[in-house]
Amino acid sequence: MVLVGCNTYKSYLINDDLCNFDDPIFILKEEERSFDVIKYKTAIDIALNTGRQYVLIDNKHLYIYTWSDDKSITKTIKDKKSGIIKRIGYDSIGKIKSFSNHHIYNSDYLQDIIWYDLDGSIKKKEDYRKADKYPICYREALSIVTREKRRKDSIAGIEKNKLIKKGKKYYVWEVYTKVPKRFGKGRSRKYVIDAQTGKLLAVRKVYMATNDVL
């Protein structure tokens, strides 16, 4: 089944406040530029010996610390309300190595991924936001689909893609919804959003193996 939307959402193009990129979850704080390995020595030793993660939770965030065999550290911060994840990599002595963000619905990066030199200066930066191709940001696409989806469905995934239609290339967001568990397994939907205009290009039925989040 293919449904073609006729409404455009140009208001989203001039309302980037919805993208929320100035939220602290997208920003590397000064105190996050290093990791206190002495303070967490006991937790590091336990993690290395048992293979477990170290988890802290407050009212708004979930913090997960993981250690590799070489004792490099990954700090993951999940904002429970927005679903945005901040991920910071450190070396074995707590110096910053990398910084990135993604959404719980997708492992693709939402902005830049940044790599750092030993002195903390930026070594390399790669743009994943690609605002020239995707002026409609992830959150705008999610908002559009929230308005269009079936009430009983919930959003389960989002990803960037490219679509060739009648010889024309479109940069699109593909947003997946899932059927609630009480309705059992079955067909769900993929919403295709023009990332340049916000127009709903198509809705396609798709099969999902389970009701788990993609």
N, C-alpha and C. Protein backbone atom coordinates (compact mmCIF):
# COMPACT_ATOMS: atom_id res chain seq x y z
N MET A 1 0.84 -1.19 0.00
CA MET A 1 0.00 0.00 0.00
C MET A 1 0.87 1.24 0.00
N VAL A 2 0.51 2.21 -0.83
CA VAL A 2 1.23 3.48 -0.87
C VAL A 2 0.22 4.60 -0.79
N LEU A 3 0.40 5.46 0.18
CA LEU A 3 -0.44 6.64 0.31
C LEU A 3 0.44 7.85 0.06
N VAL A 4 0.02 8.74 -0.79
CA VAL A 4 0.82 9.92 -1.10
C VAL A 4 0.23 11.12 -0.38
N GLY A 5 1.05 11.78 0.42
CA GLY A 5 0.57 12.94 1.16
C GLY A 5 0.58 14.18 0.29
N CYS A 6 -0.38 15.05 0.52
CA CYS A 6 -0.46 16.27 -0.28
C CYS A 6 -0.14 17.51 0.53
N ASN A 7 0.01 17.37 1.85
CA ASN A 7 0.28 18.53 2.69
C ASN A 7 1.78 18.75 2.80
N THR A 8 2.20 19.99 2.82
CA THR A 8 3.60 20.32 3.05
C THR A 8 3.74 20.92 4.44
N TYR A 9 4.95 20.90 4.95
CA TYR A 9 5.20 21.39 6.30
C TYR A 9 6.34 22.41 6.26
N LYS A 10 6.19 23.40 5.39
CA LYS A 10 7.26 24.37 5.22
C LYS A 10 7.52 25.14 6.50
N SER A 11 6.52 25.20 7.40
CA SER A 11 6.74 25.92 8.65
C SER A 11 7.90 25.33 9.44
N TYR A 12 8.16 24.03 9.25
CA TYR A 12 9.26 23.40 9.96
C TYR A 12 10.61 23.97 9.52
N LEU A 13 10.70 24.39 8.27
CA LEU A 13 11.97 24.90 7.75
C LEU A 13 12.40 26.20 8.40
N ILE A 14 11.44 26.95 8.93
CA ILE A 14 11.76 28.22 9.57
C ILE A 14 11.57 28.12 11.08
N ASN A 15 11.50 26.91 11.59
CA ASN A 15 11.28 26.70 13.02
C ASN A 15 12.28 25.68 13.55
N ASP A 16 13.56 25.99 13.41
CA ASP A 16 14.59 25.05 13.84
C ASP A 16 14.69 24.94 15.36
N ASP A 17 13.91 25.77 16.09
CA ASP A 17 13.89 25.62 17.54
C ASP A 17 13.43 24.23 17.92
N LEU A 18 12.60 23.63 17.08
CA LEU A 18 12.08 22.30 17.35
C LEU A 18 13.20 21.26 17.38
N CYS A 19 14.30 21.52 16.67
CA CYS A 19 15.40 20.56 16.60
C CYS A 19 16.12 20.41 17.93
N ASN A 20 16.10 21.48 18.73
CA ASN A 20 16.62 21.41 20.10
C ASN A 20 18.11 21.12 20.18
N PHE A 21 18.88 21.57 19.18
CA PHE A 21 20.30 21.26 19.17
C PHE A 21 21.10 22.06 20.22
N ASP A 22 20.45 23.02 20.88
CA ASP A 22 21.14 23.76 21.94
C ASP A 22 20.90 23.13 23.32
N ASP A 23 20.20 21.99 23.35
CA ASP A 23 19.98 21.29 24.60
C ASP A 23 21.32 20.79 25.13
N PRO A 24 21.53 20.81 26.45
CA PRO A 24 22.81 20.36 27.02
C PRO A 24 23.22 18.94 26.61
N ILE A 25 22.27 18.09 26.25
CA ILE A 25 22.62 16.73 25.85
C ILE A 25 23.43 16.71 24.56
N PHE A 26 23.37 17.80 23.78
CA PHE A 26 24.13 17.90 22.54
C PHE A 26 25.47 18.62 22.72
N ILE A 27 25.73 19.07 23.93
CA ILE A 27 26.90 19.92 24.16
C ILE A 27 27.90 19.22 25.08
N LEU A 28 29.16 19.27 24.69
CA LEU A 28 30.23 18.72 25.53
C LEU A 28 30.59 19.75 26.59
N LYS A 29 30.32 19.42 27.86
CA LYS A 29 30.63 20.33 28.95
C LYS A 29 32.13 20.27 29.26
N GLU A 30 32.62 21.35 29.86
CA GLU A 30 34.04 21.41 30.18
C GLU A 30 34.45 20.27 31.10
N GLU A 31 33.61 19.95 32.08
CA GLU A 31 33.95 18.89 33.02
C GLU A 31 33.88 17.50 32.39
N GLU A 32 33.32 17.41 31.19
CA GLU A 32 33.24 16.13 30.50
C GLU A 32 34.43 15.88 29.58
N ARG A 33 35.35 16.81 29.54
CA ARG A 33 36.49 16.68 28.65
C ARG A 33 37.57 15.74 29.23
N SER A 34 37.35 15.30 30.45
CA SER A 34 38.26 14.31 31.05
C SER A 34 37.45 13.42 31.98
N PHE A 35 38.03 12.27 32.34
CA PHE A 35 37.35 11.30 33.19
C PHE A 35 38.26 10.98 34.37
N ASP A 36 37.71 11.01 35.58
CA ASP A 36 38.47 10.79 36.80
C ASP A 36 38.63 9.27 37.03
N VAL A 37 39.70 8.71 36.50
CA VAL A 37 39.90 7.25 36.62
C VAL A 37 40.22 6.84 38.06
N ILE A 38 40.78 7.75 38.86
CA ILE A 38 41.08 7.43 40.25
C ILE A 38 39.79 7.28 41.05
N LYS A 39 38.88 8.21 40.83
CA LYS A 39 37.59 8.18 41.53
C LYS A 39 36.83 6.89 41.22
N TYR A 40 36.93 6.42 39.97
CA TYR A 40 36.16 5.26 39.55
C TYR A 40 37.01 3.98 39.48
N LYS A 41 38.16 3.99 40.14
CA LYS A 41 39.08 2.84 40.04
C LYS A 41 38.40 1.53 40.44
N THR A 42 37.67 1.53 41.54
CA THR A 42 37.01 0.30 42.00
C THR A 42 36.01 -0.20 40.98
N ALA A 43 35.20 0.75 40.44
CA ALA A 43 34.21 0.37 39.43
C ALA A 43 34.88 -0.15 38.17
N ILE A 44 36.00 0.45 37.79
CA ILE A 44 36.75 0.00 36.60
C ILE A 44 37.25 -1.42 36.81
N ASP A 45 37.83 -1.69 37.98
CA ASP A 45 38.36 -3.02 38.26
C ASP A 45 37.26 -4.07 38.22
N ILE A 46 36.11 -3.74 38.81
CA ILE A 46 34.99 -4.69 38.81
C ILE A 46 34.51 -4.94 37.39
N ALA A 47 34.40 -3.85 36.62
CA ALA A 47 33.92 -3.98 35.24
C ALA A 47 34.86 -4.83 34.40
N LEU A 48 36.15 -4.62 34.57
CA LEU A 48 37.12 -5.38 33.78
C LEU A 48 37.14 -6.86 34.18
N ASN A 49 36.91 -7.12 35.47
CA ASN A 49 36.95 -8.51 35.95
C ASN A 49 35.66 -9.27 35.68
N THR A 50 34.54 -8.56 35.61
CA THR A 50 33.25 -9.23 35.46
C THR A 50 32.60 -9.02 34.10
N GLY A 51 33.10 -8.02 33.33
CA GLY A 51 32.49 -7.69 32.05
C GLY A 51 31.19 -6.91 32.20
N ARG A 52 30.92 -6.39 33.40
CA ARG A 52 29.69 -5.64 33.64
C ARG A 52 29.86 -4.16 33.32
N GLN A 53 28.73 -3.50 33.16
CA GLN A 53 28.72 -2.06 32.99
C GLN A 53 28.45 -1.40 34.34
N TYR A 54 28.89 -0.16 34.46
CA TYR A 54 28.62 0.62 35.66
C TYR A 54 27.51 1.60 35.32
N VAL A 55 26.40 1.57 36.07
CA VAL A 55 25.21 2.33 35.71
C VAL A 55 24.82 3.27 36.85
N LEU A 56 24.53 4.51 36.49
CA LEU A 56 23.98 5.49 37.43
C LEU A 56 22.72 6.09 36.82
N ILE A 57 21.73 6.38 37.65
CA ILE A 57 20.48 6.95 37.15
C ILE A 57 20.09 8.12 38.04
N ASP A 58 19.68 9.25 37.40
CA ASP A 58 19.05 10.32 38.16
C ASP A 58 17.65 10.54 37.57
N ASN A 59 16.99 11.61 37.96
CA ASN A 59 15.60 11.82 37.54
C ASN A 59 15.45 12.01 36.03
N LYS A 60 16.49 12.54 35.38
CA LYS A 60 16.37 12.89 33.97
C LYS A 60 17.26 12.04 33.05
N HIS A 61 18.31 11.44 33.61
CA HIS A 61 19.31 10.81 32.76
C HIS A 61 19.70 9.42 33.25
N LEU A 62 20.15 8.63 32.31
CA LEU A 62 20.73 7.33 32.58
C LEU A 62 22.20 7.40 32.16
N TYR A 63 23.11 7.07 33.06
CA TYR A 63 24.54 7.10 32.78
C TYR A 63 25.06 5.67 32.75
N ILE A 64 25.75 5.32 31.68
CA ILE A 64 26.33 3.98 31.56
C ILE A 64 27.82 4.12 31.24
N TYR A 65 28.66 3.49 32.04
CA TYR A 65 30.10 3.51 31.82
C TYR A 65 30.54 2.10 31.42
N THR A 66 31.28 2.00 30.34
CA THR A 66 31.81 0.70 29.92
C THR A 66 33.31 0.83 29.69
N TRP A 67 34.02 -0.28 29.94
CA TRP A 67 35.48 -0.30 29.78
C TRP A 67 35.88 -1.40 28.82
N SER A 68 36.81 -1.09 27.94
CA SER A 68 37.35 -2.10 27.04
C SER A 68 38.54 -2.80 27.71
N ASP A 69 39.02 -3.84 27.08
CA ASP A 69 40.15 -4.58 27.65
C ASP A 69 41.39 -3.72 27.80
N ASP A 70 41.54 -2.71 26.93
CA ASP A 70 42.69 -1.81 27.04
C ASP A 70 42.44 -0.69 28.03
N LYS A 71 41.30 -0.79 28.78
CA LYS A 71 40.90 0.17 29.82
C LYS A 71 40.43 1.51 29.26
N SER A 72 40.23 1.60 27.95
CA SER A 72 39.59 2.80 27.43
C SER A 72 38.14 2.81 27.91
N ILE A 73 37.57 4.00 28.03
CA ILE A 73 36.29 4.18 28.71
C ILE A 73 35.28 4.81 27.75
N THR A 74 34.05 4.35 27.80
CA THR A 74 32.96 4.99 27.08
C THR A 74 31.89 5.39 28.08
N LYS A 75 31.58 6.68 28.09
CA LYS A 75 30.52 7.20 28.95
C LYS A 75 29.31 7.50 28.07
N THR A 76 28.18 6.86 28.38
CA THR A 76 26.96 7.06 27.61
C THR A 76 25.92 7.71 28.51
N ILE A 77 25.36 8.83 28.05
CA ILE A 77 24.34 9.54 28.81
C ILE A 77 23.07 9.57 27.98
N LYS A 78 22.01 9.03 28.51
CA LYS A 78 20.73 9.02 27.81
C LYS A 78 19.75 9.94 28.51
N ASP A 79 19.23 10.92 27.75
CA ASP A 79 18.17 11.78 28.26
C ASP A 79 16.85 11.01 28.15
N LYS A 80 16.24 10.70 29.28
CA LYS A 80 15.09 9.81 29.29
C LYS A 80 13.87 10.43 28.61
N LYS A 81 13.75 11.73 28.61
CA LYS A 81 12.59 12.39 28.01
C LYS A 81 12.71 12.49 26.49
N SER A 82 13.86 12.96 26.00
CA SER A 82 14.03 13.19 24.56
C SER A 82 14.51 11.95 23.81
N GLY A 83 15.11 10.99 24.52
CA GLY A 83 15.66 9.82 23.85
C GLY A 83 17.00 10.08 23.19
N ILE A 84 17.59 11.24 23.43
CA ILE A 84 18.89 11.57 22.85
C ILE A 84 20.00 10.98 23.71
N ILE A 85 21.02 10.47 23.04
CA ILE A 85 22.15 9.86 23.72
C ILE A 85 23.43 10.66 23.43
N LYS A 86 24.15 10.97 24.47
CA LYS A 86 25.47 11.59 24.36
C LYS A 86 26.50 10.51 24.66
N ARG A 87 27.50 10.38 23.79
CA ARG A 87 28.51 9.35 24.00
C ARG A 87 29.90 9.99 23.94
N ILE A 88 30.68 9.74 25.00
CA ILE A 88 32.02 10.31 25.10
C ILE A 88 33.02 9.18 25.31
N GLY A 89 34.07 9.17 24.50
CA GLY A 89 35.10 8.16 24.64
C GLY A 89 36.35 8.75 25.29
N TYR A 90 36.96 7.99 26.21
CA TYR A 90 38.19 8.42 26.89
C TYR A 90 39.23 7.31 26.77
N ASP A 91 40.50 7.70 26.86
CA ASP A 91 41.55 6.68 26.88
C ASP A 91 41.72 6.14 28.29
N SER A 92 42.70 5.30 28.51
CA SER A 92 42.85 4.60 29.79
C SER A 92 43.21 5.53 30.95
N ILE A 93 43.72 6.72 30.65
CA ILE A 93 44.04 7.66 31.73
C ILE A 93 43.03 8.79 31.82
N GLY A 94 41.93 8.66 31.09
CA GLY A 94 40.83 9.60 31.24
C GLY A 94 40.85 10.80 30.31
N LYS A 95 41.71 10.79 29.28
CA LYS A 95 41.73 11.88 28.32
C LYS A 95 40.69 11.63 27.23
N ILE A 96 40.02 12.69 26.81
CA ILE A 96 38.95 12.55 25.84
C ILE A 96 39.47 12.09 24.48
N LYS A 97 38.72 11.17 23.86
CA LYS A 97 39.06 10.66 22.53
C LYS A 97 38.01 11.02 21.48
N SER A 98 36.73 11.00 21.88
CA SER A 98 35.67 11.23 20.89
C SER A 98 34.40 11.72 21.57
N PHE A 99 33.52 12.32 20.75
CA PHE A 99 32.24 12.84 21.25
C PHE A 99 31.22 12.76 20.13
N SER A 100 30.01 12.27 20.46
CA SER A 100 28.96 12.15 19.45
C SER A 100 27.59 12.09 20.11
N ASN A 101 26.55 12.22 19.28
CA ASN A 101 25.16 12.09 19.73
C ASN A 101 24.39 11.20 18.76
N HIS A 102 23.46 10.44 19.28
CA HIS A 102 22.50 9.78 18.42
C HIS A 102 21.18 9.60 19.18
N HIS A 103 20.17 9.06 18.51
CA HIS A 103 18.84 8.90 19.09
C HIS A 103 18.62 7.42 19.39
N ILE A 104 17.81 7.13 20.40
CA ILE A 104 17.55 5.74 20.74
C ILE A 104 16.90 4.98 19.59
N TYR A 105 16.26 5.70 18.66
CA TYR A 105 15.61 5.04 17.53
C TYR A 105 16.59 4.68 16.41
N ASN A 106 17.82 5.18 16.51
CA ASN A 106 18.76 4.95 15.42
C ASN A 106 20.18 5.17 15.93
N SER A 107 21.12 4.37 15.46
CA SER A 107 22.51 4.52 15.90
C SER A 107 23.29 5.53 15.05
N ASP A 108 22.64 6.08 14.02
CA ASP A 108 23.31 7.08 13.18
C ASP A 108 23.50 8.37 13.99
N TYR A 109 24.61 9.05 13.73
CA TYR A 109 24.91 10.27 14.48
C TYR A 109 23.99 11.41 14.04
N LEU A 110 23.62 12.27 15.00
CA LEU A 110 22.69 13.36 14.70
C LEU A 110 23.41 14.64 14.31
N GLN A 111 24.61 14.85 14.81
CA GLN A 111 25.38 16.04 14.47
C GLN A 111 26.78 15.61 14.03
N ASP A 112 27.79 16.32 14.52
CA ASP A 112 29.17 15.95 14.21
C ASP A 112 29.61 14.81 15.13
N ILE A 113 30.47 13.97 14.63
CA ILE A 113 31.26 13.12 15.51
C ILE A 113 32.66 13.72 15.52
N ILE A 114 33.21 13.90 16.71
CA ILE A 114 34.47 14.61 16.87
C ILE A 114 35.50 13.68 17.50
N TRP A 115 36.71 13.67 16.93
CA TRP A 115 37.83 12.93 17.50
C TRP A 115 38.86 13.94 18.01
N TYR A 116 39.54 13.58 19.11
CA TYR A 116 40.46 14.50 19.76
C TYR A 116 41.88 13.94 19.81
N ASP A 117 42.86 14.87 19.77
CA ASP A 117 44.26 14.52 19.97
C ASP A 117 44.52 14.32 21.47
N LEU A 118 45.73 13.87 21.80
CA LEU A 118 46.09 13.63 23.19
C LEU A 118 46.04 14.91 24.03
N ASP A 119 46.28 16.06 23.40
CA ASP A 119 46.25 17.33 24.14
C ASP A 119 44.84 17.90 24.26
N GLY A 120 43.82 17.18 23.76
CA GLY A 120 42.45 17.64 23.87
C GLY A 120 41.97 18.51 22.74
N SER A 121 42.85 18.81 21.77
CA SER A 121 42.43 19.60 20.62
C SER A 121 41.72 18.70 19.60
N ILE A 122 40.88 19.31 18.78
CA ILE A 122 40.12 18.53 17.80
C ILE A 122 41.04 18.04 16.69
N LYS A 123 41.04 16.73 16.48
CA LYS A 123 41.84 16.11 15.43
C LYS A 123 41.05 15.98 14.14
N LYS A 124 39.79 15.61 14.27
CA LYS A 124 38.96 15.37 13.09
C LYS A 124 37.50 15.55 13.47
N LYS A 125 36.73 16.10 12.53
CA LYS A 125 35.30 16.30 12.74
C LYS A 125 34.56 15.86 11.47
N GLU A 126 33.52 15.06 11.64
CA GLU A 126 32.76 14.59 10.49
C GLU A 126 31.30 14.99 10.66
N ASP A 127 30.76 15.64 9.64
CA ASP A 127 29.40 16.17 9.69
C ASP A 127 28.38 15.09 9.34
N TYR A 128 27.55 14.72 10.31
CA TYR A 128 26.46 13.79 10.06
C TYR A 128 25.11 14.50 10.01
N ARG A 129 25.06 15.74 10.45
CA ARG A 129 23.81 16.51 10.39
C ARG A 129 23.39 16.76 8.95
N LYS A 130 24.35 17.17 8.09
CA LYS A 130 24.12 17.40 6.67
C LYS A 130 22.88 18.27 6.45
N ALA A 131 22.91 19.46 7.05
CA ALA A 131 21.76 20.35 7.01
C ALA A 131 21.42 20.82 5.60
N ASP A 132 22.40 20.83 4.69
CA ASP A 132 22.12 21.23 3.32
C ASP A 132 21.22 20.22 2.61
N LYS A 133 21.38 18.96 2.95
CA LYS A 133 20.58 17.90 2.33
C LYS A 133 19.35 17.55 3.17
N TYR A 134 19.44 17.75 4.47
CA TYR A 134 18.36 17.41 5.38
C TYR A 134 17.99 18.61 6.26
N PRO A 135 17.50 19.70 5.64
CA PRO A 135 17.10 20.85 6.46
C PRO A 135 16.00 20.50 7.46
N ILE A 136 15.15 19.54 7.09
CA ILE A 136 14.22 18.98 8.07
C ILE A 136 15.03 18.07 8.97
N CYS A 137 15.11 18.39 10.27
CA CYS A 137 15.94 17.60 11.17
C CYS A 137 15.17 16.39 11.68
N TYR A 138 15.87 15.54 12.41
CA TYR A 138 15.28 14.29 12.91
C TYR A 138 14.01 14.54 13.71
N ARG A 139 14.03 15.60 14.54
CA ARG A 139 12.90 15.82 15.43
C ARG A 139 11.68 16.36 14.67
N GLU A 140 11.95 17.14 13.63
CA GLU A 140 10.86 17.61 12.79
C GLU A 140 10.20 16.44 12.06
N ALA A 141 11.02 15.51 11.57
CA ALA A 141 10.47 14.33 10.91
C ALA A 141 9.63 13.51 11.87
N LEU A 142 10.10 13.34 13.08
CA LEU A 142 9.34 12.61 14.09
C LEU A 142 8.03 13.31 14.40
N SER A 143 8.06 14.63 14.47
CA SER A 143 6.85 15.40 14.76
C SER A 143 5.81 15.26 13.64
N ILE A 144 6.30 15.28 12.39
CA ILE A 144 5.40 15.13 11.25
C ILE A 144 4.70 13.77 11.31
N VAL A 145 5.48 12.73 11.58
CA VAL A 145 4.90 11.39 11.61
C VAL A 145 3.97 11.21 12.81
N THR A 146 4.28 11.85 13.92
CA THR A 146 3.40 11.79 15.08
C THR A 146 2.01 12.31 14.74
N ARG A 147 1.95 13.31 13.87
CA ARG A 147 0.67 13.86 13.45
C ARG A 147 -0.06 12.96 12.46
N GLU A 148 0.71 12.17 11.70
CA GLU A 148 0.13 11.40 10.61
C GLU A 148 -0.14 9.93 10.94
N LYS A 149 0.54 9.39 11.91
CA LYS A 149 0.46 7.95 12.18
C LYS A 149 -0.89 7.56 12.79
N ARG A 150 -1.18 6.26 12.75
CA ARG A 150 -2.35 5.74 13.43
C ARG A 150 -2.19 5.94 14.93
N ARG A 151 -3.28 6.26 15.57
CA ARG A 151 -3.21 6.60 16.99
C ARG A 151 -2.64 5.46 17.83
N LYS A 152 -2.99 4.23 17.48
CA LYS A 152 -2.55 3.09 18.29
C LYS A 152 -1.09 2.74 18.09
N ASP A 153 -0.47 3.21 17.00
CA ASP A 153 0.93 2.88 16.72
C ASP A 153 1.88 3.77 17.49
N SER A 154 3.09 3.29 17.68
CA SER A 154 4.13 4.11 18.29
C SER A 154 5.35 4.12 17.38
N ILE A 155 6.15 5.16 17.49
CA ILE A 155 7.34 5.28 16.63
C ILE A 155 8.42 4.33 17.13
N ALA A 156 9.06 3.64 16.17
CA ALA A 156 10.03 2.61 16.53
C ALA A 156 11.40 2.82 15.90
N GLY A 157 11.53 3.70 14.92
CA GLY A 157 12.82 3.87 14.28
C GLY A 157 12.82 5.04 13.32
N ILE A 158 14.00 5.59 13.06
CA ILE A 158 14.14 6.68 12.10
C ILE A 158 15.52 6.59 11.46
N GLU A 159 15.59 6.86 10.16
CA GLU A 159 16.89 6.84 9.49
C GLU A 159 16.87 7.75 8.27
N LYS A 160 18.05 8.25 7.93
CA LYS A 160 18.21 9.02 6.70
C LYS A 160 18.31 8.08 5.52
N ASN A 161 17.87 8.56 4.36
CA ASN A 161 18.01 7.74 3.17
C ASN A 161 17.93 8.64 1.94
N LYS A 162 18.12 8.05 0.78
CA LYS A 162 17.92 8.73 -0.51
C LYS A 162 16.93 7.93 -1.33
N LEU A 163 16.11 8.64 -2.09
CA LEU A 163 15.06 8.00 -2.87
C LEU A 163 15.12 8.53 -4.29
N ILE A 164 15.11 7.63 -5.26
CA ILE A 164 15.03 8.03 -6.67
C ILE A 164 13.59 7.79 -7.13
N LYS A 165 12.93 8.83 -7.57
CA LYS A 165 11.54 8.73 -7.99
C LYS A 165 11.35 9.50 -9.29
N LYS A 166 11.00 8.78 -10.35
CA LYS A 166 10.83 9.37 -11.67
C LYS A 166 12.08 10.13 -12.09
N GLY A 167 13.23 9.54 -11.81
CA GLY A 167 14.51 10.12 -12.20
C GLY A 167 15.00 11.24 -11.31
N LYS A 168 14.27 11.57 -10.27
CA LYS A 168 14.65 12.67 -9.38
C LYS A 168 15.11 12.09 -8.04
N LYS A 169 16.22 12.66 -7.51
CA LYS A 169 16.74 12.20 -6.23
C LYS A 169 16.11 13.01 -5.09
N TYR A 170 15.65 12.30 -4.10
CA TYR A 170 15.11 12.93 -2.90
C TYR A 170 15.94 12.49 -1.70
N TYR A 171 16.26 13.44 -0.82
CA TYR A 171 16.82 13.10 0.47
C TYR A 171 15.64 12.98 1.42
N VAL A 172 15.55 11.85 2.10
CA VAL A 172 14.35 11.57 2.88
C VAL A 172 14.69 11.06 4.27
N TRP A 173 13.73 11.23 5.15
CA TRP A 173 13.71 10.54 6.43
C TRP A 173 12.72 9.40 6.30
N GLU A 174 13.09 8.24 6.79
CA GLU A 174 12.17 7.12 6.86
C GLU A 174 11.90 6.83 8.33
N VAL A 175 10.64 6.99 8.72
CA VAL A 175 10.25 6.82 10.11
C VAL A 175 9.36 5.58 10.21
N TYR A 176 9.73 4.67 11.08
CA TYR A 176 8.99 3.42 11.24
C TYR A 176 8.10 3.48 12.49
N THR A 177 6.92 2.90 12.36
CA THR A 177 6.05 2.75 13.52
C THR A 177 5.84 1.27 13.79
N LYS A 178 5.42 0.97 15.00
CA LYS A 178 5.18 -0.43 15.36
C LYS A 178 3.78 -0.59 15.93
N VAL A 179 3.26 -1.81 15.82
CA VAL A 179 1.94 -2.15 16.35
C VAL A 179 2.08 -2.50 17.83
N PRO A 180 1.20 -1.98 18.69
CA PRO A 180 1.30 -2.33 20.12
C PRO A 180 1.21 -3.84 20.34
N LYS A 181 1.83 -4.31 21.40
CA LYS A 181 1.89 -5.74 21.67
C LYS A 181 0.51 -6.37 21.79
N ARG A 182 -0.46 -5.63 22.32
CA ARG A 182 -1.78 -6.22 22.51
C ARG A 182 -2.47 -6.56 21.19
N PHE A 183 -1.96 -5.99 20.08
CA PHE A 183 -2.52 -6.30 18.77
C PHE A 183 -1.76 -7.44 18.10
N GLY A 184 -0.71 -7.95 18.77
CA GLY A 184 0.04 -9.07 18.22
C GLY A 184 0.97 -8.65 17.10
N LYS A 185 1.64 -9.67 16.52
CA LYS A 185 2.55 -9.41 15.42
C LYS A 185 1.77 -9.07 14.15
N GLY A 186 2.37 -8.30 13.30
CA GLY A 186 1.69 -7.97 12.04
C GLY A 186 2.38 -6.86 11.31
N ARG A 187 1.66 -6.31 10.38
CA ARG A 187 2.23 -5.25 9.56
C ARG A 187 2.34 -3.95 10.34
N SER A 188 3.41 -3.25 10.06
CA SER A 188 3.57 -1.92 10.59
C SER A 188 3.76 -0.98 9.40
N ARG A 189 4.25 0.25 9.65
CA ARG A 189 4.32 1.23 8.58
C ARG A 189 5.65 1.98 8.55
N LYS A 190 6.02 2.37 7.35
CA LYS A 190 7.18 3.23 7.14
C LYS A 190 6.69 4.52 6.48
N TYR A 191 6.99 5.64 7.10
CA TYR A 191 6.61 6.95 6.59
C TYR A 191 7.83 7.59 5.94
N VAL A 192 7.69 8.02 4.70
CA VAL A 192 8.79 8.62 3.95
C VAL A 192 8.56 10.12 3.87
N ILE A 193 9.48 10.89 4.48
CA ILE A 193 9.36 12.34 4.58
C ILE A 193 10.42 13.00 3.72
N ASP A 194 10.02 13.91 2.84
CA ASP A 194 10.97 14.70 2.07
C ASP A 194 11.75 15.58 3.04
N ALA A 195 13.07 15.35 3.12
CA ALA A 195 13.90 16.07 4.09
C ALA A 195 14.17 17.51 3.70
N GLN A 196 13.77 17.90 2.47
CA GLN A 196 13.93 19.29 2.02
C GLN A 196 12.70 20.13 2.33
N THR A 197 11.53 19.53 2.24
CA THR A 197 10.28 20.30 2.37
C THR A 197 9.40 19.88 3.54
N GLY A 198 9.59 18.67 4.05
CA GLY A 198 8.71 18.17 5.09
C GLY A 198 7.47 17.49 4.54
N LYS A 199 7.40 17.32 3.22
CA LYS A 199 6.23 16.70 2.61
C LYS A 199 6.24 15.19 2.85
N LEU A 200 5.08 14.65 3.17
CA LEU A 200 4.93 13.21 3.30
C LEU A 200 4.83 12.61 1.91
N LEU A 201 5.86 11.88 1.50
CA LEU A 201 5.91 11.32 0.15
C LEU A 201 5.16 10.00 0.03
N ALA A 202 5.22 9.18 1.09
CA ALA A 202 4.57 7.87 1.00
C ALA A 202 4.44 7.26 2.37
N VAL A 203 3.49 6.36 2.49
CA VAL A 203 3.35 5.49 3.66
C VAL A 203 3.29 4.06 3.14
N ARG A 204 4.19 3.22 3.62
CA ARG A 204 4.24 1.85 3.12
C ARG A 204 4.09 0.86 4.27
N LYS A 205 3.33 -0.18 4.02
CA LYS A 205 3.22 -1.25 5.00
C LYS A 205 4.49 -2.09 4.97
N VAL A 206 4.99 -2.40 6.13
CA VAL A 206 6.19 -3.23 6.23
C VAL A 206 5.95 -4.31 7.28
N TYR A 207 6.68 -5.41 7.16
CA TYR A 207 6.59 -6.47 8.15
C TYR A 207 7.69 -6.27 9.19
N MET A 208 7.32 -6.44 10.42
CA MET A 208 8.28 -6.39 11.52
C MET A 208 8.28 -7.75 12.19
N ALA A 209 9.45 -8.30 12.40
CA ALA A 209 9.56 -9.65 12.96
C ALA A 209 9.03 -9.71 14.39
N THR A 210 9.26 -8.62 15.14
CA THR A 210 8.78 -8.57 16.51
C THR A 210 8.24 -7.18 16.77
N ASN A 211 7.73 -6.97 17.96
CA ASN A 211 7.26 -5.66 18.36
C ASN A 211 8.32 -4.88 19.11
N ASP A 212 9.54 -5.36 19.08
CA ASP A 212 10.63 -4.63 19.74
C ASP A 212 10.99 -3.40 18.93
N VAL A 213 11.57 -2.41 19.61
CA VAL A 213 12.04 -1.21 18.92
C VAL A 213 13.12 -1.60 17.94
N LEU A 214 13.09 -0.98 16.75
CA LEU A 214 14.08 -1.30 15.72
C LEU A 214 15.47 -0.92 16.21
